[in-house]
Amino acid sequence: DDHALQAVLRRLIPSDHLAPIHADLSRFAGRHQELAAMAAHMERDKPTVQHFDAFGHRIDELRTCSSWQAMKRVAAEEGL
């Protein structure tokens, strides 16, 4: 229930488009705790790059924690 955001949306978006947007934002807001927990985990376990494998071959592999991978799924689900 962000009143400032709702006021801006009412001012900028035609009323016939506002209902679906409101429903999407309400659903997304319901994921706040899940997303906040993932964000905290992502801050603690930042991505790293492994440049070489055990045999000295160049691999340049990006390693991320499970929350980074989960956040990619959330972004796809939410259309971000």
N, C-alpha and C. Protein backbone atom coordinates (compact mmCIF):
# COMPACT_ATOMS: atom_id res chain seq x y z
N ASP A 1 0.82 -1.20 0.00
CA ASP A 1 0.00 0.00 0.00
C ASP A 1 0.86 1.25 0.00
N ASP A 2 1.61 1.43 -1.05
CA ASP A 2 2.46 2.61 -1.21
C ASP A 2 1.60 3.72 -1.83
N HIS A 3 1.15 4.66 -1.00
CA HIS A 3 0.23 5.69 -1.46
C HIS A 3 0.86 6.61 -2.50
N ALA A 4 2.14 6.91 -2.34
CA ALA A 4 2.81 7.77 -3.32
C ALA A 4 2.87 7.08 -4.68
N LEU A 5 3.24 5.80 -4.69
CA LEU A 5 3.29 5.07 -5.95
C LEU A 5 1.91 4.99 -6.59
N GLN A 6 0.89 4.72 -5.79
CA GLN A 6 -0.47 4.65 -6.32
C GLN A 6 -0.90 5.97 -6.93
N ALA A 7 -0.54 7.07 -6.31
CA ALA A 7 -0.90 8.40 -6.84
C ALA A 7 -0.22 8.64 -8.18
N VAL A 8 1.05 8.28 -8.27
CA VAL A 8 1.78 8.45 -9.53
C VAL A 8 1.18 7.57 -10.62
N LEU A 9 0.88 6.32 -10.29
CA LEU A 9 0.28 5.42 -11.28
C LEU A 9 -1.07 5.94 -11.76
N ARG A 10 -1.90 6.44 -10.84
CA ARG A 10 -3.21 6.99 -11.23
C ARG A 10 -3.06 8.19 -12.15
N ARG A 11 -2.01 8.98 -11.91
CA ARG A 11 -1.79 10.18 -12.72
C ARG A 11 -1.25 9.84 -14.11
N LEU A 12 -0.41 8.79 -14.21
CA LEU A 12 0.28 8.52 -15.46
C LEU A 12 -0.33 7.42 -16.33
N ILE A 13 -1.13 6.55 -15.73
CA ILE A 13 -1.62 5.37 -16.46
C ILE A 13 -3.13 5.45 -16.60
N PRO A 14 -3.64 5.20 -17.82
CA PRO A 14 -5.09 5.21 -18.01
C PRO A 14 -5.78 4.20 -17.08
N SER A 15 -6.95 4.55 -16.59
CA SER A 15 -7.62 3.73 -15.57
C SER A 15 -7.91 2.32 -16.04
N ASP A 16 -8.15 2.10 -17.34
CA ASP A 16 -8.43 0.75 -17.80
C ASP A 16 -7.21 -0.16 -17.76
N HIS A 17 -6.01 0.41 -17.68
CA HIS A 17 -4.78 -0.38 -17.57
C HIS A 17 -4.30 -0.52 -16.12
N LEU A 18 -4.89 0.25 -15.26
CA LEU A 18 -4.40 0.31 -13.87
C LEU A 18 -4.71 -0.94 -13.06
N ALA A 19 -5.86 -1.56 -13.27
CA ALA A 19 -6.25 -2.74 -12.48
C ALA A 19 -5.26 -3.90 -12.63
N PRO A 20 -4.87 -4.28 -13.87
CA PRO A 20 -3.89 -5.37 -13.99
C PRO A 20 -2.53 -5.01 -13.37
N ILE A 21 -2.13 -3.76 -13.50
CA ILE A 21 -0.86 -3.33 -12.92
C ILE A 21 -0.93 -3.43 -11.40
N HIS A 22 -2.05 -2.99 -10.83
CA HIS A 22 -2.21 -3.05 -9.37
C HIS A 22 -2.16 -4.51 -8.89
N ALA A 23 -2.81 -5.40 -9.62
CA ALA A 23 -2.79 -6.82 -9.25
C ALA A 23 -1.37 -7.38 -9.29
N ASP A 24 -0.61 -7.03 -10.34
CA ASP A 24 0.78 -7.50 -10.45
C ASP A 24 1.64 -6.95 -9.32
N LEU A 25 1.50 -5.67 -9.02
CA LEU A 25 2.30 -5.06 -7.95
C LEU A 25 1.94 -5.65 -6.59
N SER A 26 0.67 -5.92 -6.36
CA SER A 26 0.25 -6.52 -5.08
C SER A 26 0.84 -7.92 -4.93
N ARG A 27 0.78 -8.71 -6.01
CA ARG A 27 1.36 -10.06 -5.97
C ARG A 27 2.86 -9.99 -5.74
N PHE A 28 3.53 -9.07 -6.44
CA PHE A 28 4.98 -8.93 -6.30
C PHE A 28 5.34 -8.48 -4.89
N ALA A 29 4.55 -7.60 -4.31
CA ALA A 29 4.81 -7.14 -2.94
C ALA A 29 4.70 -8.29 -1.94
N GLY A 30 3.88 -9.27 -2.26
CA GLY A 30 3.75 -10.44 -1.39
C GLY A 30 5.01 -11.28 -1.34
N ARG A 31 5.91 -11.08 -2.28
CA ARG A 31 7.18 -11.83 -2.32
C ARG A 31 8.31 -11.08 -1.61
N HIS A 32 7.98 -9.98 -0.95
CA HIS A 32 9.01 -9.12 -0.37
C HIS A 32 9.96 -9.87 0.56
N GLN A 33 9.43 -10.65 1.48
CA GLN A 33 10.31 -11.34 2.43
C GLN A 33 11.21 -12.35 1.73
N GLU A 34 10.65 -13.07 0.77
CA GLU A 34 11.44 -14.04 -0.01
C GLU A 34 12.58 -13.32 -0.75
N LEU A 35 12.26 -12.20 -1.39
CA LEU A 35 13.27 -11.47 -2.16
C LEU A 35 14.31 -10.81 -1.26
N ALA A 36 13.88 -10.31 -0.11
CA ALA A 36 14.81 -9.69 0.83
C ALA A 36 15.80 -10.72 1.36
N ALA A 37 15.33 -11.92 1.64
CA ALA A 37 16.22 -12.98 2.12
C ALA A 37 17.22 -13.37 1.04
N MET A 38 16.75 -13.47 -0.21
CA MET A 38 17.67 -13.79 -1.30
C MET A 38 18.69 -12.68 -1.49
N ALA A 39 18.25 -11.44 -1.41
CA ALA A 39 19.17 -10.30 -1.58
C ALA A 39 20.24 -10.30 -0.50
N ALA A 40 19.85 -10.59 0.74
CA ALA A 40 20.84 -10.64 1.83
C ALA A 40 21.86 -11.75 1.58
N HIS A 41 21.39 -12.91 1.11
CA HIS A 41 22.29 -14.02 0.81
C HIS A 41 23.22 -13.63 -0.34
N MET A 42 22.68 -12.95 -1.35
CA MET A 42 23.49 -12.52 -2.49
C MET A 42 24.59 -11.53 -2.07
N GLU A 43 24.28 -10.68 -1.10
CA GLU A 43 25.29 -9.73 -0.60
C GLU A 43 26.40 -10.44 0.17
N ARG A 44 26.03 -11.49 0.90
CA ARG A 44 27.03 -12.24 1.67
C ARG A 44 27.89 -13.13 0.78
N ASP A 45 27.30 -13.68 -0.27
CA ASP A 45 27.99 -14.65 -1.12
C ASP A 45 28.04 -14.12 -2.55
N LYS A 46 28.93 -13.17 -2.77
CA LYS A 46 29.01 -12.50 -4.07
C LYS A 46 29.62 -13.42 -5.13
N PRO A 47 29.29 -13.17 -6.39
CA PRO A 47 29.83 -14.00 -7.47
C PRO A 47 31.36 -13.91 -7.54
N THR A 48 31.94 -14.99 -7.99
CA THR A 48 33.39 -15.04 -8.22
C THR A 48 33.64 -15.59 -9.61
N VAL A 49 34.83 -15.35 -10.12
CA VAL A 49 35.22 -15.90 -11.42
C VAL A 49 36.37 -16.87 -11.19
N GLN A 50 36.21 -18.08 -11.68
CA GLN A 50 37.30 -19.05 -11.65
C GLN A 50 37.93 -19.00 -13.04
N HIS A 51 39.18 -18.51 -13.09
CA HIS A 51 39.83 -18.32 -14.38
C HIS A 51 40.41 -19.61 -14.95
N PHE A 52 40.89 -20.49 -14.06
CA PHE A 52 41.55 -21.71 -14.53
C PHE A 52 41.00 -22.93 -13.81
N ASP A 53 40.99 -24.07 -14.49
CA ASP A 53 40.59 -25.32 -13.85
C ASP A 53 41.80 -25.93 -13.16
N ALA A 54 41.63 -27.11 -12.60
CA ALA A 54 42.70 -27.77 -11.84
C ALA A 54 43.90 -28.13 -12.70
N PHE A 55 43.71 -28.17 -14.01
CA PHE A 55 44.81 -28.53 -14.91
C PHE A 55 45.46 -27.30 -15.56
N GLY A 56 45.04 -26.11 -15.14
CA GLY A 56 45.63 -24.88 -15.67
C GLY A 56 44.99 -24.39 -16.96
N HIS A 57 43.90 -25.02 -17.37
CA HIS A 57 43.21 -24.58 -18.58
C HIS A 57 42.32 -23.39 -18.26
N ARG A 58 42.29 -22.43 -19.16
CA ARG A 58 41.47 -21.23 -18.96
C ARG A 58 40.00 -21.59 -19.12
N ILE A 59 39.18 -21.28 -18.11
CA ILE A 59 37.75 -21.58 -18.19
C ILE A 59 36.87 -20.35 -17.96
N ASP A 60 37.37 -19.34 -17.24
CA ASP A 60 36.61 -18.12 -16.95
C ASP A 60 35.15 -18.41 -16.62
N GLU A 61 34.95 -19.14 -15.56
CA GLU A 61 33.61 -19.56 -15.14
C GLU A 61 33.10 -18.66 -14.02
N LEU A 62 31.91 -18.11 -14.22
CA LEU A 62 31.27 -17.30 -13.20
C LEU A 62 30.56 -18.22 -12.22
N ARG A 63 30.88 -18.08 -10.94
CA ARG A 63 30.26 -18.92 -9.90
C ARG A 63 29.36 -18.04 -9.04
N THR A 64 28.10 -18.47 -8.93
CA THR A 64 27.14 -17.71 -8.14
C THR A 64 26.46 -18.65 -7.13
N CYS A 65 25.94 -18.06 -6.07
CA CYS A 65 25.23 -18.84 -5.06
C CYS A 65 23.82 -19.17 -5.56
N SER A 66 23.14 -20.01 -4.84
CA SER A 66 21.80 -20.44 -5.23
C SER A 66 20.81 -19.27 -5.29
N SER A 67 21.02 -18.25 -4.47
CA SER A 67 20.10 -17.11 -4.49
C SER A 67 20.23 -16.31 -5.79
N TRP A 68 21.42 -16.21 -6.34
CA TRP A 68 21.58 -15.54 -7.64
C TRP A 68 20.80 -16.30 -8.70
N GLN A 69 20.88 -17.61 -8.67
CA GLN A 69 20.17 -18.42 -9.65
C GLN A 69 18.66 -18.31 -9.44
N ALA A 70 18.22 -18.31 -8.18
CA ALA A 70 16.79 -18.17 -7.88
C ALA A 70 16.28 -16.80 -8.31
N MET A 71 17.09 -15.76 -8.13
CA MET A 71 16.69 -14.41 -8.51
C MET A 71 16.52 -14.29 -10.02
N LYS A 72 17.33 -15.03 -10.78
CA LYS A 72 17.16 -15.06 -12.23
C LYS A 72 15.79 -15.65 -12.59
N ARG A 73 15.40 -16.70 -11.88
CA ARG A 73 14.07 -17.30 -12.12
C ARG A 73 12.95 -16.32 -11.77
N VAL A 74 13.10 -15.62 -10.64
CA VAL A 74 12.09 -14.64 -10.23
C VAL A 74 11.98 -13.54 -11.27
N ALA A 75 13.11 -13.06 -11.77
CA ALA A 75 13.10 -12.01 -12.78
C ALA A 75 12.35 -12.47 -14.02
N ALA A 76 12.57 -13.71 -14.43
CA ALA A 76 11.87 -14.24 -15.60
C ALA A 76 10.38 -14.38 -15.31
N GLU A 77 10.03 -14.88 -14.12
CA GLU A 77 8.62 -15.03 -13.76
C GLU A 77 7.90 -13.70 -13.73
N GLU A 78 8.57 -12.66 -13.24
CA GLU A 78 7.96 -11.35 -13.07
C GLU A 78 8.10 -10.46 -14.30
N GLY A 79 8.82 -10.93 -15.30
CA GLY A 79 9.00 -10.14 -16.51
C GLY A 79 9.91 -8.94 -16.32
N LEU A 80 10.91 -9.11 -15.47
CA LEU A 80 11.85 -8.00 -15.20
C LEU A 80 13.09 -8.13 -16.06
